[in-house]
Amino acid sequence: MVSAVDAVGLAVIVLANTAIAALLTRFFRVRLQTSWGGPVFAVLLGSLAVMISTLVLSGFLRLGPNLQNHGTVIGITIVTPLAVGLTFDYVWMPAPEEIDLPERYEQRPPERR
């Protein structure tokens, strides 16, 4: 039986991993100039970051229940947050090309008299 504390811990892990996946996806979409580079790096490096986050949150901090099965752990704490984070960035957020940024302000050193 899963207690309420274990359910909240699992929710914290899933939400943190989803945020990590969404932020990494946005970072790679902004930084990489190719159309395929963003998704590939987001899946490869994002899954690594989400796995490390899962190990830290569930291992060292002891959040979440004992799910008893490796497939369940991978599905709930790695694959699902990665898929939701990628979907969030690609579907809900505007493309990086569509965002207008302000002109860069360069501060000049004060003139000496």
N, C-alpha and C. Protein backbone atom coordinates (compact mmCIF):
# COMPACT_ATOMS: atom_id res chain seq x y z
N MET A 1 0.85 -1.18 0.00
CA MET A 1 0.00 0.00 0.00
C MET A 1 0.88 1.23 0.00
N VAL A 2 0.55 2.17 -0.84
CA VAL A 2 1.31 3.41 -0.96
C VAL A 2 0.69 4.46 -0.05
N SER A 3 1.55 5.08 0.76
CA SER A 3 1.04 6.12 1.65
C SER A 3 0.94 7.44 0.90
N ALA A 4 0.33 8.41 1.55
CA ALA A 4 0.18 9.73 0.94
C ALA A 4 1.53 10.41 0.77
N VAL A 5 2.44 10.18 1.69
CA VAL A 5 3.78 10.77 1.60
C VAL A 5 4.53 10.21 0.40
N ASP A 6 4.40 8.90 0.17
CA ASP A 6 5.04 8.28 -0.99
C ASP A 6 4.45 8.81 -2.30
N ALA A 7 3.14 9.01 -2.34
CA ALA A 7 2.50 9.53 -3.54
C ALA A 7 2.94 10.96 -3.82
N VAL A 8 3.07 11.77 -2.78
CA VAL A 8 3.54 13.14 -2.96
C VAL A 8 5.00 13.13 -3.41
N GLY A 9 5.81 12.25 -2.85
CA GLY A 9 7.21 12.14 -3.27
C GLY A 9 7.33 11.74 -4.72
N LEU A 10 6.50 10.81 -5.17
CA LEU A 10 6.51 10.41 -6.58
C LEU A 10 6.06 11.57 -7.47
N ALA A 11 5.06 12.33 -7.02
CA ALA A 11 4.62 13.49 -7.79
C ALA A 11 5.72 14.54 -7.89
N VAL A 12 6.48 14.73 -6.83
CA VAL A 12 7.60 15.68 -6.85
C VAL A 12 8.65 15.22 -7.86
N ILE A 13 8.96 13.94 -7.88
CA ILE A 13 9.94 13.40 -8.83
C ILE A 13 9.46 13.60 -10.26
N VAL A 14 8.21 13.28 -10.53
CA VAL A 14 7.67 13.40 -11.89
C VAL A 14 7.62 14.86 -12.33
N LEU A 15 7.20 15.76 -11.46
CA LEU A 15 7.13 17.18 -11.81
C LEU A 15 8.53 17.77 -12.00
N ALA A 16 9.47 17.42 -11.16
CA ALA A 16 10.84 17.92 -11.31
C ALA A 16 11.46 17.41 -12.61
N ASN A 17 11.25 16.15 -12.91
CA ASN A 17 11.80 15.58 -14.15
C ASN A 17 11.14 16.19 -15.39
N THR A 18 9.85 16.49 -15.31
CA THR A 18 9.18 17.13 -16.43
C THR A 18 9.73 18.53 -16.66
N ALA A 19 9.97 19.27 -15.59
CA ALA A 19 10.55 20.62 -15.72
C ALA A 19 11.95 20.55 -16.30
N ILE A 20 12.75 19.60 -15.86
CA ILE A 20 14.11 19.44 -16.39
C ILE A 20 14.05 19.13 -17.89
N ALA A 21 13.17 18.23 -18.27
CA ALA A 21 13.06 17.86 -19.69
C ALA A 21 12.61 19.04 -20.53
N ALA A 22 11.64 19.81 -20.06
CA ALA A 22 11.15 20.96 -20.82
C ALA A 22 12.23 22.04 -20.95
N LEU A 23 12.95 22.30 -19.87
CA LEU A 23 14.01 23.32 -19.92
C LEU A 23 15.16 22.90 -20.82
N LEU A 24 15.56 21.64 -20.75
CA LEU A 24 16.63 21.18 -21.63
C LEU A 24 16.20 21.19 -23.09
N THR A 25 14.95 20.86 -23.36
CA THR A 25 14.45 20.90 -24.73
C THR A 25 14.49 22.33 -25.26
N ARG A 26 14.06 23.29 -24.47
CA ARG A 26 14.09 24.69 -24.89
C ARG A 26 15.53 25.15 -25.10
N PHE A 27 16.42 24.76 -24.20
CA PHE A 27 17.83 25.14 -24.33
C PHE A 27 18.42 24.64 -25.63
N PHE A 28 18.18 23.37 -25.95
CA PHE A 28 18.73 22.80 -27.17
C PHE A 28 18.07 23.38 -28.42
N ARG A 29 16.79 23.71 -28.35
CA ARG A 29 16.13 24.33 -29.50
C ARG A 29 16.68 25.72 -29.78
N VAL A 30 17.02 26.45 -28.73
CA VAL A 30 17.54 27.80 -28.90
C VAL A 30 18.99 27.78 -29.37
N ARG A 31 19.79 26.89 -28.80
CA ARG A 31 21.23 26.89 -29.07
C ARG A 31 21.63 26.20 -30.37
N LEU A 32 20.94 25.15 -30.76
CA LEU A 32 21.35 24.40 -31.95
C LEU A 32 20.66 24.95 -33.19
N GLN A 33 21.40 25.05 -34.26
CA GLN A 33 20.89 25.66 -35.49
C GLN A 33 20.26 24.65 -36.45
N THR A 34 20.37 23.37 -36.18
CA THR A 34 19.81 22.37 -37.08
C THR A 34 18.39 22.02 -36.66
N SER A 35 17.61 21.48 -37.59
CA SER A 35 16.23 21.11 -37.27
C SER A 35 16.16 19.81 -36.49
N TRP A 36 17.14 18.93 -36.65
CA TRP A 36 17.11 17.64 -35.97
C TRP A 36 17.94 17.64 -34.69
N GLY A 37 18.81 18.61 -34.50
CA GLY A 37 19.71 18.61 -33.35
C GLY A 37 18.99 18.79 -32.03
N GLY A 38 18.01 19.67 -31.99
CA GLY A 38 17.27 19.91 -30.75
C GLY A 38 16.58 18.68 -30.21
N PRO A 39 15.76 18.01 -31.02
CA PRO A 39 15.09 16.80 -30.50
C PRO A 39 16.06 15.67 -30.15
N VAL A 40 17.10 15.49 -30.96
CA VAL A 40 18.04 14.40 -30.68
C VAL A 40 18.78 14.64 -29.37
N PHE A 41 19.31 15.84 -29.20
CA PHE A 41 20.03 16.13 -27.97
C PHE A 41 19.09 16.15 -26.76
N ALA A 42 17.85 16.63 -26.96
CA ALA A 42 16.89 16.65 -25.86
C ALA A 42 16.56 15.23 -25.40
N VAL A 43 16.43 14.32 -26.34
CA VAL A 43 16.12 12.93 -25.96
C VAL A 43 17.33 12.26 -25.32
N LEU A 44 18.50 12.42 -25.94
CA LEU A 44 19.69 11.73 -25.42
C LEU A 44 20.18 12.32 -24.10
N LEU A 45 20.46 13.61 -24.10
CA LEU A 45 20.98 14.23 -22.88
C LEU A 45 19.88 14.49 -21.86
N GLY A 46 18.66 14.71 -22.36
CA GLY A 46 17.53 14.90 -21.44
C GLY A 46 17.23 13.64 -20.65
N SER A 47 17.29 12.50 -21.30
CA SER A 47 17.03 11.25 -20.58
C SER A 47 18.13 10.97 -19.56
N LEU A 48 19.36 11.36 -19.89
CA LEU A 48 20.45 11.20 -18.93
C LEU A 48 20.25 12.11 -17.72
N ALA A 49 19.88 13.36 -17.96
CA ALA A 49 19.65 14.30 -16.86
C ALA A 49 18.46 13.88 -16.00
N VAL A 50 17.41 13.40 -16.64
CA VAL A 50 16.23 12.95 -15.90
C VAL A 50 16.56 11.69 -15.09
N MET A 51 17.38 10.80 -15.64
CA MET A 51 17.77 9.61 -14.90
C MET A 51 18.60 9.98 -13.67
N ILE A 52 19.53 10.91 -13.83
CA ILE A 52 20.34 11.35 -12.69
C ILE A 52 19.46 12.02 -11.64
N SER A 53 18.52 12.83 -12.08
CA SER A 53 17.59 13.46 -11.15
C SER A 53 16.76 12.43 -10.40
N THR A 54 16.32 11.40 -11.10
CA THR A 54 15.56 10.34 -10.45
C THR A 54 16.40 9.61 -9.41
N LEU A 55 17.64 9.33 -9.75
CA LEU A 55 18.53 8.66 -8.79
C LEU A 55 18.77 9.52 -7.56
N VAL A 56 18.95 10.81 -7.75
CA VAL A 56 19.20 11.70 -6.62
C VAL A 56 17.94 11.83 -5.76
N LEU A 57 16.80 12.10 -6.39
CA LEU A 57 15.57 12.32 -5.62
C LEU A 57 15.06 11.06 -4.94
N SER A 58 15.14 9.93 -5.62
CA SER A 58 14.60 8.71 -5.02
C SER A 58 15.64 7.96 -4.21
N GLY A 59 16.92 8.14 -4.54
CA GLY A 59 17.97 7.41 -3.82
C GLY A 59 18.44 8.13 -2.58
N PHE A 60 19.03 9.31 -2.80
CA PHE A 60 19.60 10.03 -1.66
C PHE A 60 18.53 10.68 -0.79
N LEU A 61 17.51 11.29 -1.41
CA LEU A 61 16.47 11.98 -0.64
C LEU A 61 15.32 11.07 -0.23
N ARG A 62 15.29 9.87 -0.76
CA ARG A 62 14.28 8.86 -0.42
C ARG A 62 12.85 9.34 -0.64
N LEU A 63 12.63 10.01 -1.77
CA LEU A 63 11.27 10.42 -2.14
C LEU A 63 10.62 9.30 -2.96
N GLY A 64 9.32 9.18 -2.84
CA GLY A 64 8.58 8.24 -3.67
C GLY A 64 8.54 6.84 -3.09
N PRO A 65 7.61 6.04 -3.60
CA PRO A 65 7.45 4.67 -3.12
C PRO A 65 8.41 3.71 -3.80
N ASN A 66 8.47 2.50 -3.29
CA ASN A 66 9.21 1.43 -3.93
C ASN A 66 8.29 0.83 -4.99
N LEU A 67 8.62 1.03 -6.26
CA LEU A 67 7.74 0.62 -7.35
C LEU A 67 7.91 -0.85 -7.74
N GLN A 68 8.89 -1.54 -7.20
CA GLN A 68 9.07 -2.98 -7.32
C GLN A 68 9.50 -3.49 -8.70
N ASN A 69 9.52 -2.64 -9.72
CA ASN A 69 9.80 -3.12 -11.06
C ASN A 69 10.60 -2.06 -11.81
N HIS A 70 11.66 -2.48 -12.48
CA HIS A 70 12.50 -1.53 -13.21
C HIS A 70 11.74 -0.86 -14.35
N GLY A 71 10.91 -1.60 -15.03
CA GLY A 71 10.12 -1.04 -16.13
C GLY A 71 9.15 0.03 -15.66
N THR A 72 8.55 -0.19 -14.52
CA THR A 72 7.64 0.80 -13.96
C THR A 72 8.37 2.07 -13.58
N VAL A 73 9.54 1.94 -12.98
CA VAL A 73 10.34 3.09 -12.60
C VAL A 73 10.75 3.88 -13.83
N ILE A 74 11.23 3.20 -14.86
CA ILE A 74 11.65 3.87 -16.08
C ILE A 74 10.46 4.53 -16.76
N GLY A 75 9.34 3.85 -16.81
CA GLY A 75 8.16 4.41 -17.46
C GLY A 75 7.58 5.62 -16.76
N ILE A 76 7.48 5.55 -15.43
CA ILE A 76 6.84 6.63 -14.68
C ILE A 76 7.77 7.80 -14.44
N THR A 77 9.03 7.55 -14.13
CA THR A 77 9.91 8.65 -13.72
C THR A 77 10.87 9.14 -14.79
N ILE A 78 10.99 8.43 -15.91
CA ILE A 78 11.91 8.87 -16.96
C ILE A 78 11.18 9.11 -18.28
N VAL A 79 10.49 8.11 -18.80
CA VAL A 79 9.88 8.22 -20.13
C VAL A 79 8.71 9.20 -20.13
N THR A 80 7.82 9.09 -19.17
CA THR A 80 6.65 9.98 -19.12
C THR A 80 7.05 11.44 -18.94
N PRO A 81 7.90 11.80 -17.98
CA PRO A 81 8.29 13.22 -17.88
C PRO A 81 9.04 13.73 -19.11
N LEU A 82 9.85 12.87 -19.72
CA LEU A 82 10.57 13.28 -20.92
C LEU A 82 9.59 13.56 -22.06
N ALA A 83 8.61 12.69 -22.23
CA ALA A 83 7.61 12.89 -23.29
C ALA A 83 6.76 14.12 -23.02
N VAL A 84 6.36 14.34 -21.78
CA VAL A 84 5.55 15.52 -21.45
C VAL A 84 6.37 16.80 -21.60
N GLY A 85 7.63 16.78 -21.19
CA GLY A 85 8.48 17.96 -21.33
C GLY A 85 8.74 18.32 -22.78
N LEU A 86 9.01 17.33 -23.61
CA LEU A 86 9.20 17.57 -25.05
C LEU A 86 7.93 18.10 -25.68
N THR A 87 6.80 17.50 -25.34
CA THR A 87 5.52 17.93 -25.89
C THR A 87 5.20 19.35 -25.44
N PHE A 88 5.46 19.66 -24.19
CA PHE A 88 5.21 21.00 -23.66
C PHE A 88 5.99 22.04 -24.46
N ASP A 89 7.25 21.77 -24.72
CA ASP A 89 8.07 22.75 -25.41
C ASP A 89 7.72 22.85 -26.89
N TYR A 90 7.48 21.73 -27.55
CA TYR A 90 7.23 21.76 -28.99
C TYR A 90 5.80 22.16 -29.34
N VAL A 91 4.83 21.89 -28.48
CA VAL A 91 3.43 22.18 -28.81
C VAL A 91 2.97 23.49 -28.19
N TRP A 92 3.25 23.72 -26.92
CA TRP A 92 2.68 24.86 -26.23
C TRP A 92 3.53 26.12 -26.36
N MET A 93 4.83 26.00 -26.29
CA MET A 93 5.72 27.16 -26.35
C MET A 93 5.93 27.59 -27.80
N PRO A 94 6.09 28.89 -28.05
CA PRO A 94 6.36 29.32 -29.42
C PRO A 94 7.77 28.93 -29.83
N ALA A 95 7.97 28.80 -31.12
CA ALA A 95 9.29 28.46 -31.65
C ALA A 95 10.27 29.58 -31.34
N PRO A 96 11.54 29.26 -31.14
CA PRO A 96 12.52 30.30 -30.82
C PRO A 96 12.62 31.37 -31.92
N GLU A 97 12.34 31.04 -33.17
CA GLU A 97 12.41 32.01 -34.25
C GLU A 97 11.28 33.03 -34.18
N GLU A 98 10.18 32.69 -33.54
CA GLU A 98 9.01 33.56 -33.47
C GLU A 98 9.09 34.61 -32.36
N ILE A 99 10.05 34.50 -31.49
CA ILE A 99 10.16 35.40 -30.35
C ILE A 99 11.02 36.60 -30.73
N ASP A 100 10.48 37.80 -30.52
CA ASP A 100 11.23 39.02 -30.78
C ASP A 100 11.98 39.42 -29.53
N LEU A 101 13.27 39.54 -29.67
CA LEU A 101 14.11 39.94 -28.54
C LEU A 101 14.44 41.43 -28.66
N PRO A 102 14.60 42.11 -27.53
CA PRO A 102 14.97 43.52 -27.60
C PRO A 102 16.41 43.68 -28.08
N GLU A 103 16.71 44.87 -28.56
CA GLU A 103 18.07 45.16 -28.99
C GLU A 103 19.02 45.04 -27.80
N ARG A 104 20.20 44.58 -28.08
CA ARG A 104 21.18 44.41 -27.01
C ARG A 104 21.76 45.77 -26.64
N TYR A 105 21.74 46.07 -25.39
CA TYR A 105 22.25 47.34 -24.88
C TYR A 105 23.69 47.13 -24.46
N GLU A 106 24.57 47.89 -25.09
CA GLU A 106 25.98 47.79 -24.74
C GLU A 106 26.37 49.06 -24.01
N GLN A 107 26.84 48.89 -22.82
CA GLN A 107 27.22 50.03 -22.01
C GLN A 107 28.63 50.47 -22.38
N ARG A 108 28.77 51.73 -22.67
CA ARG A 108 30.09 52.28 -23.00
C ARG A 108 30.77 52.75 -21.73
N PRO A 109 32.08 52.66 -21.70
CA PRO A 109 32.78 53.18 -20.53
C PRO A 109 32.65 54.70 -20.47
N PRO A 110 32.62 55.26 -19.28
CA PRO A 110 32.47 56.72 -19.17
C PRO A 110 33.67 57.43 -19.79
N GLU A 111 33.37 58.55 -20.44
CA GLU A 111 34.43 59.33 -21.07
C GLU A 111 35.19 60.12 -20.02
N ARG A 112 36.49 60.17 -20.17
CA ARG A 112 37.33 60.94 -19.25
C ARG A 112 37.45 62.37 -19.73
N ARG A 113 37.47 63.29 -18.81
CA ARG A 113 37.60 64.70 -19.17
C ARG A 113 38.94 65.23 -18.85
